[in-house]
Amino acid sequence: MPVKLRLQRHGRKGYAYYHIVAADSRAPRDGKFIERVGSYNPNTNPATIDLNFDRALYWVQTGAQPTDTVRNILSDEGVYMKKHLLGGVQKNAFDESEAEKRFVTWKNAKQAKTETAKSKLADEARNKAKAHLAVEKEANKVKAAEVAKKKAEALEAQVAAAKAELAAAQEAAGKATPAAEAETEAAE
C-alpha cells in the first residue's frame, strides 16, 4: 500500500483550507485517510501551517511520498532538515546532540526571517493606511473649502437680496412720502 502525504481540501468556494494527511495513494482526494498530520491555510498572509512535526517526520522516514505542495510545506517547517540531520547521525558523521543543536540553530534563523517578513508586511500596511488617511484628509479639506465657498456665496446673495429689498422698501417709502406731502398740500 503506497502511502502519500497530500492535501485534503476543506472550506467553501473561494476560501479553501487544507488538512495534511497520510493516505493510500488509491483513495480519493477528500476520502479515506490513515492519519491527519496537520493543516494548511493559504488565505492568511503569510500562510498558516499547523503541523504535528513528529508524525510528519515519522511518515517521511517510513517512505511516504509527499505531493509537491506538501513537500514544500514540510521543507519550510524543517521536516526534511531534521531527516537529513538524523541521516548524518546514523552514518556517525556527528552525534545526536550536535544534530539537535544544528536543527535548533536553523529553526531560530528561519523564525527570525519569518518574523522580519511579518513585521515588514505590517509596516507596509500601516504606511499604506497613513498615506490613504493623508489623501483622504486633503480631499476633505478641498471639499470643506468648496462647501465654505458655496455657503459664503449663498450668504452674500441673501445679503444682497436683503439690501435690494430694503432699498426698494425705502425707495417706495420715500416716493410715498413726497406724494403724501403733495396730497396734503393740495388738500389745504
C-alpha atoms as a PDB file:
ATOM      1  CA  MET A   1       0.000   0.000   0.000  1.00  0.00           C
ATOM      2  CA  PRO A   2       1.848   3.115  -1.201  1.00  0.00           C
ATOM      3  CA  VAL A   3       1.267   5.951   1.257  1.00  0.00           C
ATOM      4  CA  LYS A   4       1.191   9.576   0.165  1.00  0.00           C
ATOM      5  CA  LEU A   5       1.294  12.751   2.195  1.00  0.00           C
ATOM      6  CA  ARG A   6      -1.141  15.099   0.494  1.00  0.00           C
ATOM      7  CA  LEU A   7      -3.624  17.922   0.950  1.00  0.00           C
ATOM      8  CA  GLN A   8      -7.296  17.268   1.622  1.00  0.00           C
ATOM      9  CA  ARG A   9      -9.487  20.230   0.620  1.00  0.00           C
ATOM     10  CA  HIS A  10     -11.982  21.761   3.066  1.00  0.00           C
ATOM     11  CA  GLY A  11     -13.759  25.099   3.347  1.00  0.00           C
ATOM     12  CA  ARG A  12     -16.054  26.897   0.971  1.00  0.00           C
ATOM     13  CA  LYS A  13     -15.770  28.030  -2.611  1.00  0.00           C
ATOM     14  CA  GLY A  14     -13.118  30.711  -2.935  1.00  0.00           C
ATOM     15  CA  TYR A  15     -11.870  30.168   0.639  1.00  0.00           C
ATOM     16  CA  ALA A  16     -10.258  26.761   0.788  1.00  0.00           C
ATOM     17  CA  TYR A  17      -8.071  25.436   3.570  1.00  0.00           C
ATOM     18  CA  TYR A  18      -6.417  22.055   3.660  1.00  0.00           C
ATOM     19  CA  HIS A  19      -5.687  19.175   6.001  1.00  0.00           C
ATOM     20  CA  ILE A  20      -2.319  17.491   5.501  1.00  0.00           C
ATOM     21  CA  VAL A  21      -2.999  13.758   5.612  1.00  0.00           C
ATOM     22  CA  ALA A  22      -1.226  10.459   5.135  1.00  0.00           C
ATOM     23  CA  ALA A  23      -3.443   8.432   2.799  1.00  0.00           C
ATOM     24  CA  ASP A  24      -3.380   5.471   0.480  1.00  0.00           C
ATOM     25  CA  SER A  25      -2.495   6.789  -2.965  1.00  0.00           C
ATOM     26  CA  ARG A  26      -5.534   4.983  -4.433  1.00  0.00           C
ATOM     27  CA  ALA A  27      -8.020   6.704  -2.084  1.00  0.00           C
ATOM     28  CA  PRO A  28      -9.965   9.764  -3.318  1.00  0.00           C
ATOM     29  CA  ARG A  29      -8.534  13.200  -2.562  1.00  0.00           C
ATOM     30  CA  ASP A  30     -11.100  14.084   0.105  1.00  0.00           C
ATOM     31  CA  GLY A  31     -11.847  10.493   1.073  1.00  0.00           C
ATOM     32  CA  LYS A  32     -10.436   7.935   3.468  1.00  0.00           C
ATOM     33  CA  PHE A  33      -7.051   8.665   5.044  1.00  0.00           C
ATOM     34  CA  ILE A  34      -4.732   6.945   7.523  1.00  0.00           C
ATOM     35  CA  GLU A  35      -3.747   9.895   9.704  1.00  0.00           C
ATOM     36  CA  ARG A  36      -4.143  13.659   9.790  1.00  0.00           C
ATOM     37  CA  VAL A  37      -0.698  15.221  10.156  1.00  0.00           C
ATOM     38  CA  GLY A  38      -1.543  18.931  10.100  1.00  0.00           C
ATOM     39  CA  SER A  39      -3.387  21.768   8.406  1.00  0.00           C
ATOM     40  CA  TYR A  40      -2.550  24.478   5.899  1.00  0.00           C
ATOM     41  CA  ASN A  41      -4.460  27.749   5.430  1.00  0.00           C
ATOM     42  CA  PRO A  42      -3.234  29.753   2.417  1.00  0.00           C
ATOM     43  CA  ASN A  43      -5.822  32.514   2.992  1.00  0.00           C
ATOM     44  CA  THR A  44      -3.749  34.297   5.647  1.00  0.00           C
ATOM     45  CA  ASN A  45      -0.649  36.345   4.915  1.00  0.00           C
ATOM     46  CA  PRO A  46       1.741  34.584   5.434  1.00  0.00           C
ATOM     47  CA  ALA A  47       0.036  31.204   5.144  1.00  0.00           C
ATOM     48  CA  THR A  48      -0.794  29.467   8.436  1.00  0.00           C
ATOM     49  CA  ILE A  49       0.655  25.988   8.900  1.00  0.00           C
ATOM     50  CA  ASP A  50      -0.147  23.767  11.886  1.00  0.00           C
ATOM     51  CA  LEU A  51       1.932  20.599  11.709  1.00  0.00           C
ATOM     52  CA  ASN A  52       2.440  17.605  14.003  1.00  0.00           C
ATOM     53  CA  PHE A  53       6.188  17.594  13.430  1.00  0.00           C
ATOM     54  CA  ASP A  54       6.957  14.173  14.932  1.00  0.00           C
ATOM     55  CA  ARG A  55       4.265  12.364  12.941  1.00  0.00           C
ATOM     56  CA  ALA A  56       5.254  14.128   9.705  1.00  0.00           C
ATOM     57  CA  LEU A  57       8.877  13.121  10.303  1.00  0.00           C
ATOM     58  CA  TYR A  58       7.767   9.536  11.003  1.00  0.00           C
ATOM     59  CA  TRP A  59       5.838   9.306   7.713  1.00  0.00           C
ATOM     60  CA  VAL A  60       8.702  10.820   5.701  1.00  0.00           C
ATOM     61  CA  GLN A  61      11.180   8.391   7.284  1.00  0.00           C
ATOM     62  CA  THR A  62       8.948   5.399   6.596  1.00  0.00           C
ATOM     63  CA  GLY A  63       8.817   6.263   2.899  1.00  0.00           C
ATOM     64  CA  ALA A  64       5.548   8.122   2.422  1.00  0.00           C
ATOM     65  CA  GLN A  65       5.739  10.166  -0.777  1.00  0.00           C
ATOM     66  CA  PRO A  66       4.590  13.790  -0.389  1.00  0.00           C
ATOM     67  CA  THR A  67       2.992  15.782  -3.170  1.00  0.00           C
ATOM     68  CA  ASP A  68       4.922  18.827  -4.405  1.00  0.00           C
ATOM     69  CA  THR A  69       2.989  21.281  -2.226  1.00  0.00           C
ATOM     70  CA  VAL A  70       3.273  19.121   0.873  1.00  0.00           C
ATOM     71  CA  ARG A  71       6.996  18.625   0.201  1.00  0.00           C
ATOM     72  CA  ASN A  72       7.424  22.424   0.144  1.00  0.00           C
ATOM     73  CA  ILE A  73       5.423  22.790   3.363  1.00  0.00           C
ATOM     74  CA  LEU A  74       7.421  20.060   5.128  1.00  0.00           C
ATOM     75  CA  SER A  75      10.668  21.554   3.889  1.00  0.00           C
ATOM     76  CA  ASP A  76       9.699  25.014   5.165  1.00  0.00           C
ATOM     77  CA  GLU A  77       8.774  23.541   8.554  1.00  0.00           C
ATOM     78  CA  GLY A  78      12.117  21.706   8.800  1.00  0.00           C
ATOM     79  CA  VAL A  79      10.989  18.082   8.499  1.00  0.00           C
ATOM     80  CA  TYR A  80      13.426  17.386   5.682  1.00  0.00           C
ATOM     81  CA  MET A  81      16.214  19.215   7.518  1.00  0.00           C
ATOM     82  CA  LYS A  82      15.646  17.018  10.568  1.00  0.00           C
ATOM     83  CA  LYS A  83      15.564  13.878   8.371  1.00  0.00           C
ATOM     84  CA  HIS A  84      18.842  14.946   6.788  1.00  0.00           C
ATOM     85  CA  LEU A  85      20.466  15.530  10.193  1.00  0.00           C
ATOM     86  CA  LEU A  86      19.212  12.176  11.526  1.00  0.00           C
ATOM     87  CA  GLY A  87      20.744  10.540   8.442  1.00  0.00           C
ATOM     88  CA  GLY A  88      24.069  12.115   9.415  1.00  0.00           C
ATOM     89  CA  VAL A  89      23.696  10.682  12.940  1.00  0.00           C
ATOM     90  CA  GLN A  90      23.072   7.198  11.509  1.00  0.00           C
ATOM     91  CA  LYS A  91      26.242   7.491   9.419  1.00  0.00           C
ATOM     92  CA  ASN A  92      28.176   8.610  12.536  1.00  0.00           C
ATOM     93  CA  ALA A  93      29.106  11.937  10.926  1.00  0.00           C
ATOM     94  CA  PHE A  94      28.140  13.647  14.209  1.00  0.00           C
ATOM     95  CA  ASP A  95      26.230  12.798  17.365  1.00  0.00           C
ATOM     96  CA  GLU A  96      22.567  13.368  18.163  1.00  0.00           C
ATOM     97  CA  SER A  97      23.202  16.425  20.362  1.00  0.00           C
ATOM     98  CA  GLU A  98      25.096  18.099  17.515  1.00  0.00           C
ATOM     99  CA  ALA A  99      22.216  17.299  15.142  1.00  0.00           C
ATOM    100  CA  GLU A 100      19.712  18.830  17.578  1.00  0.00           C
ATOM    101  CA  LYS A 101      21.929  21.901  18.007  1.00  0.00           C
ATOM    102  CA  ARG A 102      22.155  22.408  14.231  1.00  0.00           C
ATOM    103  CA  PHE A 103      18.409  21.968  13.859  1.00  0.00           C
ATOM    104  CA  VAL A 104      17.625  24.497  16.613  1.00  0.00           C
ATOM    105  CA  THR A 105      20.029  26.992  15.023  1.00  0.00           C
ATOM    106  CA  TRP A 106      18.365  26.523  11.627  1.00  0.00           C
ATOM    107  CA  LYS A 107      14.866  26.790  13.133  1.00  0.00           C
ATOM    108  CA  ASN A 108      15.725  30.024  15.010  1.00  0.00           C
ATOM    109  CA  ALA A 109      17.142  31.590  11.839  1.00  0.00           C
ATOM    110  CA  LYS A 110      14.004  30.558   9.940  1.00  0.00           C
ATOM    111  CA  GLN A 111      11.719  32.034  12.625  1.00  0.00           C
ATOM    112  CA  ALA A 112      13.691  35.295  12.675  1.00  0.00           C
ATOM    113  CA  LYS A 113      13.339  35.551   8.899  1.00  0.00           C
ATOM    114  CA  THR A 114       9.591  34.894   9.146  1.00  0.00           C
ATOM    115  CA  GLU A 115       9.145  37.486  11.897  1.00  0.00           C
ATOM    116  CA  THR A 116      11.066  40.029   9.839  1.00  0.00           C
ATOM    117  CA  ALA A 117       8.801  39.369   6.860  1.00  0.00           C
ATOM    118  CA  LYS A 118       5.677  39.676   9.054  1.00  0.00           C
ATOM    119  CA  SER A 119       6.856  42.959  10.570  1.00  0.00           C
ATOM    120  CA  LYS A 120       7.702  44.288   7.110  1.00  0.00           C
ATOM    121  CA  LEU A 121       4.190  43.439   5.894  1.00  0.00           C
ATOM    122  CA  ALA A 122       2.660  45.084   8.962  1.00  0.00           C
ATOM    123  CA  ASP A 123       4.779  48.229   8.448  1.00  0.00           C
ATOM    124  CA  GLU A 124       3.788  48.397   4.788  1.00  0.00           C
ATOM    125  CA  ALA A 125       0.128  48.077   5.738  1.00  0.00           C
ATOM    126  CA  ARG A 126       0.488  50.816   8.373  1.00  0.00           C
ATOM    127  CA  ASN A 127       2.286  53.143   5.930  1.00  0.00           C
ATOM    128  CA  LYS A 128      -0.329  52.487   3.271  1.00  0.00           C
ATOM    129  CA  ALA A 129      -3.103  53.301   5.759  1.00  0.00           C
ATOM    130  CA  LYS A 130      -1.320  56.529   6.779  1.00  0.00           C
ATOM    131  CA  ALA A 131      -0.900  57.578   3.155  1.00  0.00           C
ATOM    132  CA  HIS A 132      -4.561  56.802   2.457  1.00  0.00           C
ATOM    133  CA  LEU A 133      -5.586  58.822   5.516  1.00  0.00           C
ATOM    134  CA  ALA A 134      -3.460  61.789   4.413  1.00  0.00           C
ATOM    135  CA  VAL A 135      -5.010  61.709   0.926  1.00  0.00           C
ATOM    136  CA  GLU A 136      -8.469  61.489   2.451  1.00  0.00           C
ATOM    137  CA  LYS A 137      -7.765  64.425   4.803  1.00  0.00           C
ATOM    138  CA  GLU A 138      -6.570  66.522   1.863  1.00  0.00           C
ATOM    139  CA  ALA A 139      -9.688  65.625  -0.123  1.00  0.00           C
ATOM    140  CA  ASN A 140     -11.839  66.536   2.886  1.00  0.00           C
ATOM    141  CA  LYS A 141     -10.070  69.922   3.170  1.00  0.00           C
ATOM    142  CA  VAL A 142     -10.765  70.626  -0.508  1.00  0.00           C
ATOM    143  CA  LYS A 143     -14.416  69.622  -0.090  1.00  0.00           C
ATOM    144  CA  ALA A 144     -14.729  71.732   3.069  1.00  0.00           C
ATOM    145  CA  ALA A 145     -13.261  74.748   1.232  1.00  0.00           C
ATOM    146  CA  GLU A 146     -15.725  74.263  -1.642  1.00  0.00           C
ATOM    147  CA  VAL A 147     -18.639  73.963   0.793  1.00  0.00           C
ATOM    148  CA  ALA A 148     -17.490  77.076   2.695  1.00  0.00           C
ATOM    149  CA  LYS A 149     -17.176  78.983  -0.604  1.00  0.00           C
ATOM    150  CA  LYS A 150     -20.691  77.948  -1.661  1.00  0.00           C
ATOM    151  CA  LYS A 151     -22.078  78.910   1.745  1.00  0.00           C
ATOM    152  CA  ALA A 152     -20.324  82.302   1.568  1.00  0.00           C
ATOM    153  CA  GLU A 153     -21.714  82.909  -1.937  1.00  0.00           C
ATOM    154  CA  ALA A 154     -25.208  81.933  -0.776  1.00  0.00           C
ATOM    155  CA  LEU A 155     -24.882  84.221   2.248  1.00  0.00           C
ATOM    156  CA  GLU A 156     -23.658  87.092   0.037  1.00  0.00           C
ATOM    157  CA  ALA A 157     -26.606  86.515  -2.303  1.00  0.00           C
ATOM    158  CA  GLN A 158     -29.012  86.588   0.651  1.00  0.00           C
ATOM    159  CA  VAL A 159     -27.389  89.776   1.990  1.00  0.00           C
ATOM    160  CA  ALA A 160     -27.554  91.404  -1.465  1.00  0.00           C
ATOM    161  CA  ALA A 161     -31.193  90.370  -1.846  1.00  0.00           C
ATOM    162  CA  ALA A 162     -31.996  91.738   1.609  1.00  0.00           C
ATOM    163  CA  LYS A 163     -30.207  95.030   0.795  1.00  0.00           C
ATOM    164  CA  ALA A 164     -32.062  95.309  -2.504  1.00  0.00           C
ATOM    165  CA  GLU A 165     -35.327  94.577  -0.749  1.00  0.00           C
ATOM    166  CA  LEU A 166     -34.551  97.158   1.918  1.00  0.00           C
ATOM    167  CA  ALA A 167     -33.558  99.738  -0.710  1.00  0.00           C
ATOM    168  CA  ALA A 168     -36.732  99.015  -2.641  1.00  0.00           C
ATOM    169  CA  ALA A 169     -38.767  99.388   0.528  1.00  0.00           C
ATOM    170  CA  GLN A 170     -37.012 102.660   1.404  1.00  0.00           C
ATOM    171  CA  GLU A 171     -37.450 103.940  -2.131  1.00  0.00           C
ATOM    172  CA  ALA A 172     -41.120 103.009  -2.081  1.00  0.00           C
ATOM    173  CA  ALA A 173     -41.429 104.662   1.316  1.00  0.00           C
ATOM    174  CA  GLY A 174     -39.524 107.728   0.052  1.00  0.00           C
ATOM    175  CA  LYS A 175     -41.801 108.130  -3.010  1.00  0.00           C
ATOM    176  CA  ALA A 176     -44.880 107.647  -0.925  1.00  0.00           C
ATOM    177  CA  THR A 177     -43.786 110.369   1.470  1.00  0.00           C
ATOM    178  CA  PRO A 178     -43.475 113.189  -1.143  1.00  0.00           C
ATOM    179  CA  ALA A 179     -46.727 112.078  -2.752  1.00  0.00           C
ATOM    180  CA  ALA A 180     -48.405 112.149   0.609  1.00  0.00           C
ATOM    181  CA  GLU A 181     -46.985 115.638   1.221  1.00  0.00           C
ATOM    182  CA  ALA A 182     -48.253 116.778  -2.175  1.00  0.00           C
ATOM    183  CA  GLU A 183     -51.683 115.448  -1.355  1.00  0.00           C
ATOM    184  CA  THR A 184     -51.685 117.172   1.993  1.00  0.00           C
ATOM    185  CA  GLU A 185     -50.648 120.479   0.370  1.00  0.00           C
ATOM    186  CA  ALA A 186     -53.323 120.129  -2.293  1.00  0.00           C
ATOM    187  CA  ALA A 187     -55.912 119.419   0.331  1.00  0.00           C
ATOM    188  CA  GLU A 188     -55.106 122.612   2.162  1.00  0.00           C
END
